[in-house]
Amino acid sequence: MRKLEKILNKYFSDLNDSDLFQDFHVHTNWTDGINTIDENINEAINNNLDNIGFSDHIRKSSIYFEEYYKYIKGLKNKKINVYAGCEAK
């Protein structure tokens, strides 16, 4: 985990520019986003992010999450850390 542990132990006021190369609230075309998981990852890499976390919407009635989670966890990328999550609705 590139720098993530160090960042999590800081107060917000102690963060510097290099700590902010993370995005943990990304939606994809699995729910209400426009781009695919892979497109989002490529854009994050192009913008020099260290970490990206996907947080597509999920409800009790959602049936996609297992496939979505397996897809994200199956990605092998050495340029960026990729995390799977969800935003409960």
N, C-alpha and C. Protein backbone atom coordinates (compact mmCIF):
# COMPACT_ATOMS: atom_id res chain seq x y z
N MET A 1 0.84 -1.17 0.00
CA MET A 1 0.00 0.00 0.00
C MET A 1 0.89 1.24 0.00
N ARG A 2 0.97 1.87 -1.12
CA ARG A 2 1.82 3.05 -1.23
C ARG A 2 1.30 4.18 -0.37
N LYS A 3 1.97 4.45 0.71
CA LYS A 3 1.74 5.61 1.57
C LYS A 3 0.38 5.62 2.27
N LEU A 4 -0.52 4.69 1.99
CA LEU A 4 -1.86 4.79 2.53
C LEU A 4 -1.86 4.72 4.06
N GLU A 5 -1.08 3.82 4.64
CA GLU A 5 -1.04 3.71 6.09
C GLU A 5 -0.57 5.01 6.73
N LYS A 6 0.42 5.65 6.13
CA LYS A 6 0.93 6.91 6.66
C LYS A 6 -0.15 8.00 6.59
N ILE A 7 -0.90 8.03 5.52
CA ILE A 7 -1.93 9.05 5.33
C ILE A 7 -3.04 8.86 6.35
N LEU A 8 -3.45 7.63 6.60
CA LEU A 8 -4.56 7.37 7.51
C LEU A 8 -4.25 7.79 8.94
N ASN A 9 -3.00 7.95 9.27
CA ASN A 9 -2.62 8.35 10.62
C ASN A 9 -2.40 9.85 10.77
N LYS A 10 -2.78 10.63 9.78
CA LYS A 10 -2.62 12.08 9.83
C LYS A 10 -3.96 12.76 10.09
N TYR A 11 -3.88 13.92 10.69
CA TYR A 11 -5.05 14.78 10.78
C TYR A 11 -5.21 15.49 9.44
N PHE A 12 -6.45 15.88 9.11
CA PHE A 12 -6.70 16.52 7.82
C PHE A 12 -5.80 17.74 7.63
N SER A 13 -5.63 18.53 8.66
CA SER A 13 -4.82 19.74 8.55
C SER A 13 -3.34 19.44 8.32
N ASP A 14 -2.91 18.21 8.57
CA ASP A 14 -1.52 17.83 8.38
C ASP A 14 -1.24 17.23 7.00
N LEU A 15 -2.27 17.06 6.18
CA LEU A 15 -2.08 16.49 4.85
C LEU A 15 -1.36 17.47 3.94
N ASN A 16 -0.58 16.92 3.03
CA ASN A 16 0.06 17.77 2.03
C ASN A 16 -0.38 17.30 0.64
N ASP A 17 0.02 18.01 -0.39
CA ASP A 17 -0.44 17.70 -1.75
C ASP A 17 -0.20 16.25 -2.17
N SER A 18 0.94 15.70 -1.80
CA SER A 18 1.25 14.33 -2.23
C SER A 18 0.37 13.29 -1.55
N ASP A 19 -0.28 13.66 -0.43
CA ASP A 19 -1.18 12.74 0.26
C ASP A 19 -2.55 12.63 -0.42
N LEU A 20 -2.85 13.54 -1.31
CA LEU A 20 -4.21 13.65 -1.85
C LEU A 20 -4.42 12.93 -3.17
N PHE A 21 -3.52 12.05 -3.53
CA PHE A 21 -3.64 11.34 -4.79
C PHE A 21 -4.41 10.03 -4.61
N GLN A 22 -5.63 10.15 -4.06
CA GLN A 22 -6.51 9.01 -3.80
C GLN A 22 -7.94 9.40 -4.20
N ASP A 23 -8.70 8.45 -4.61
CA ASP A 23 -10.14 8.67 -4.80
C ASP A 23 -10.84 7.38 -4.40
N PHE A 24 -11.62 7.45 -3.34
CA PHE A 24 -12.31 6.27 -2.81
C PHE A 24 -13.82 6.34 -2.99
N HIS A 25 -14.28 7.22 -3.86
CA HIS A 25 -15.72 7.32 -4.10
C HIS A 25 -15.97 7.42 -5.60
N VAL A 26 -15.77 6.31 -6.30
CA VAL A 26 -15.89 6.29 -7.75
C VAL A 26 -17.05 5.38 -8.14
N HIS A 27 -17.95 5.91 -8.98
CA HIS A 27 -19.07 5.14 -9.52
C HIS A 27 -18.73 4.75 -10.96
N THR A 28 -19.23 3.60 -11.38
CA THR A 28 -18.97 3.09 -12.72
C THR A 28 -20.28 2.83 -13.44
N ASN A 29 -20.16 2.31 -14.66
CA ASN A 29 -21.37 2.00 -15.43
C ASN A 29 -22.08 0.75 -14.90
N TRP A 30 -21.58 0.16 -13.80
CA TRP A 30 -22.33 -0.92 -13.15
C TRP A 30 -23.58 -0.36 -12.49
N THR A 31 -23.54 0.91 -12.11
CA THR A 31 -24.73 1.55 -11.53
C THR A 31 -24.99 2.85 -12.26
N ASP A 32 -24.73 3.99 -11.65
CA ASP A 32 -25.09 5.26 -12.28
C ASP A 32 -23.91 6.05 -12.83
N GLY A 33 -22.74 5.44 -12.91
CA GLY A 33 -21.59 6.11 -13.51
C GLY A 33 -21.61 5.97 -15.02
N ILE A 34 -20.70 6.65 -15.66
CA ILE A 34 -20.63 6.63 -17.12
C ILE A 34 -19.57 5.67 -17.63
N ASN A 35 -18.41 5.66 -16.97
CA ASN A 35 -17.26 4.89 -17.46
C ASN A 35 -17.17 3.52 -16.82
N THR A 36 -16.43 2.64 -17.49
CA THR A 36 -16.21 1.29 -16.97
C THR A 36 -15.17 1.35 -15.85
N ILE A 37 -15.03 0.24 -15.15
CA ILE A 37 -13.99 0.12 -14.12
C ILE A 37 -12.62 0.37 -14.74
N ASP A 38 -12.34 -0.29 -15.84
CA ASP A 38 -11.03 -0.16 -16.50
C ASP A 38 -10.77 1.26 -16.97
N GLU A 39 -11.78 1.91 -17.52
CA GLU A 39 -11.60 3.31 -17.96
C GLU A 39 -11.27 4.21 -16.77
N ASN A 40 -11.96 3.99 -15.64
CA ASN A 40 -11.69 4.78 -14.44
C ASN A 40 -10.27 4.54 -13.93
N ILE A 41 -9.84 3.31 -13.95
CA ILE A 41 -8.48 2.98 -13.51
C ILE A 41 -7.46 3.67 -14.41
N ASN A 42 -7.64 3.58 -15.71
CA ASN A 42 -6.70 4.22 -16.64
C ASN A 42 -6.65 5.73 -16.43
N GLU A 43 -7.79 6.34 -16.21
CA GLU A 43 -7.83 7.79 -15.97
C GLU A 43 -7.15 8.14 -14.65
N ALA A 44 -7.34 7.31 -13.64
CA ALA A 44 -6.68 7.54 -12.35
C ALA A 44 -5.16 7.45 -12.51
N ILE A 45 -4.70 6.47 -13.26
CA ILE A 45 -3.26 6.33 -13.51
C ILE A 45 -2.74 7.55 -14.28
N ASN A 46 -3.50 7.98 -15.29
CA ASN A 46 -3.10 9.16 -16.07
C ASN A 46 -3.01 10.42 -15.21
N ASN A 47 -3.78 10.44 -14.11
CA ASN A 47 -3.78 11.59 -13.20
C ASN A 47 -2.90 11.36 -11.98
N ASN A 48 -2.06 10.32 -12.06
CA ASN A 48 -1.07 10.03 -11.02
C ASN A 48 -1.66 9.69 -9.65
N LEU A 49 -2.84 9.10 -9.63
CA LEU A 49 -3.40 8.66 -8.35
C LEU A 49 -2.65 7.42 -7.87
N ASP A 50 -2.54 7.27 -6.56
CA ASP A 50 -1.92 6.09 -5.96
C ASP A 50 -2.96 5.01 -5.65
N ASN A 51 -4.20 5.43 -5.33
CA ASN A 51 -5.26 4.52 -4.91
C ASN A 51 -6.58 4.93 -5.53
N ILE A 52 -7.39 3.94 -5.90
CA ILE A 52 -8.75 4.19 -6.37
C ILE A 52 -9.67 3.17 -5.72
N GLY A 53 -10.79 3.65 -5.22
CA GLY A 53 -11.77 2.78 -4.60
C GLY A 53 -13.13 2.94 -5.26
N PHE A 54 -13.70 1.84 -5.68
CA PHE A 54 -15.00 1.86 -6.34
C PHE A 54 -16.10 1.71 -5.31
N SER A 55 -17.14 2.53 -5.44
CA SER A 55 -18.21 2.56 -4.45
C SER A 55 -19.57 2.68 -5.13
N ASP A 56 -19.83 1.77 -6.03
CA ASP A 56 -21.12 1.80 -6.72
C ASP A 56 -22.27 1.57 -5.74
N HIS A 57 -23.44 2.03 -6.14
CA HIS A 57 -24.62 1.92 -5.28
C HIS A 57 -25.09 0.48 -5.16
N ILE A 58 -25.55 0.14 -3.98
CA ILE A 58 -26.11 -1.19 -3.75
C ILE A 58 -27.35 -1.06 -2.87
N ARG A 59 -28.32 -1.89 -3.17
CA ARG A 59 -29.56 -1.96 -2.38
C ARG A 59 -29.78 -3.41 -1.97
N LYS A 60 -30.73 -3.63 -1.09
CA LYS A 60 -31.05 -5.01 -0.69
C LYS A 60 -31.37 -5.88 -1.90
N SER A 61 -32.00 -5.28 -2.88
CA SER A 61 -32.44 -6.03 -4.06
C SER A 61 -31.34 -6.18 -5.13
N SER A 62 -30.18 -5.58 -4.92
CA SER A 62 -29.10 -5.65 -5.91
C SER A 62 -28.58 -7.09 -6.03
N ILE A 63 -28.34 -7.50 -7.27
CA ILE A 63 -27.84 -8.86 -7.50
C ILE A 63 -26.46 -8.87 -8.17
N TYR A 64 -25.91 -7.70 -8.43
CA TYR A 64 -24.66 -7.61 -9.19
C TYR A 64 -23.40 -7.68 -8.33
N PHE A 65 -23.50 -7.44 -7.03
CA PHE A 65 -22.31 -7.13 -6.24
C PHE A 65 -21.25 -8.23 -6.24
N GLU A 66 -21.62 -9.48 -6.16
CA GLU A 66 -20.63 -10.55 -6.12
C GLU A 66 -19.77 -10.55 -7.38
N GLU A 67 -20.40 -10.43 -8.54
CA GLU A 67 -19.66 -10.39 -9.81
C GLU A 67 -18.78 -9.15 -9.90
N TYR A 68 -19.33 -8.01 -9.49
CA TYR A 68 -18.61 -6.73 -9.47
C TYR A 68 -17.37 -6.83 -8.58
N TYR A 69 -17.55 -7.35 -7.37
CA TYR A 69 -16.46 -7.49 -6.41
C TYR A 69 -15.36 -8.42 -6.94
N LYS A 70 -15.77 -9.57 -7.48
CA LYS A 70 -14.79 -10.52 -8.03
C LYS A 70 -14.01 -9.90 -9.19
N TYR A 71 -14.70 -9.14 -10.02
CA TYR A 71 -14.02 -8.50 -11.15
C TYR A 71 -12.94 -7.54 -10.65
N ILE A 72 -13.30 -6.68 -9.71
CA ILE A 72 -12.35 -5.70 -9.19
C ILE A 72 -11.19 -6.40 -8.47
N LYS A 73 -11.49 -7.37 -7.64
CA LYS A 73 -10.45 -8.07 -6.89
C LYS A 73 -9.54 -8.88 -7.82
N GLY A 74 -10.03 -9.26 -8.97
CA GLY A 74 -9.25 -10.02 -9.93
C GLY A 74 -8.31 -9.18 -10.77
N LEU A 75 -8.44 -7.88 -10.70
CA LEU A 75 -7.58 -7.00 -11.49
C LEU A 75 -6.17 -7.02 -10.93
N LYS A 76 -5.21 -7.07 -11.80
CA LYS A 76 -3.80 -7.03 -11.41
C LYS A 76 -3.20 -5.77 -12.02
N ASN A 77 -2.91 -4.81 -11.16
CA ASN A 77 -2.36 -3.56 -11.66
C ASN A 77 -1.26 -3.10 -10.72
N LYS A 78 -0.07 -2.94 -11.25
CA LYS A 78 1.07 -2.56 -10.43
C LYS A 78 1.25 -1.05 -10.36
N LYS A 79 0.46 -0.30 -11.11
CA LYS A 79 0.62 1.15 -11.13
C LYS A 79 -0.28 1.85 -10.12
N ILE A 80 -1.31 1.15 -9.61
CA ILE A 80 -2.27 1.78 -8.71
C ILE A 80 -2.90 0.70 -7.83
N ASN A 81 -3.22 1.04 -6.60
CA ASN A 81 -3.95 0.13 -5.71
C ASN A 81 -5.43 0.30 -6.00
N VAL A 82 -6.15 -0.81 -6.16
CA VAL A 82 -7.56 -0.79 -6.52
C VAL A 82 -8.37 -1.47 -5.41
N TYR A 83 -9.44 -0.81 -4.97
CA TYR A 83 -10.27 -1.31 -3.88
C TYR A 83 -11.73 -1.41 -4.34
N ALA A 84 -12.42 -2.41 -3.82
CA ALA A 84 -13.84 -2.60 -4.13
C ALA A 84 -14.65 -2.29 -2.88
N GLY A 85 -15.72 -1.56 -3.06
CA GLY A 85 -16.62 -1.25 -1.96
C GLY A 85 -18.00 -0.97 -2.53
N CYS A 86 -18.84 -0.37 -1.72
CA CYS A 86 -20.17 -0.02 -2.19
C CYS A 86 -20.70 1.16 -1.38
N GLU A 87 -21.69 1.80 -1.93
CA GLU A 87 -22.42 2.86 -1.24
C GLU A 87 -23.84 2.35 -1.07
N ALA A 88 -24.22 2.10 0.17
CA ALA A 88 -25.55 1.54 0.44
C ALA A 88 -26.61 2.60 0.24
N LYS A 89 -27.68 2.21 -0.42
CA LYS A 89 -28.82 3.11 -0.67
C LYS A 89 -30.02 2.60 0.07
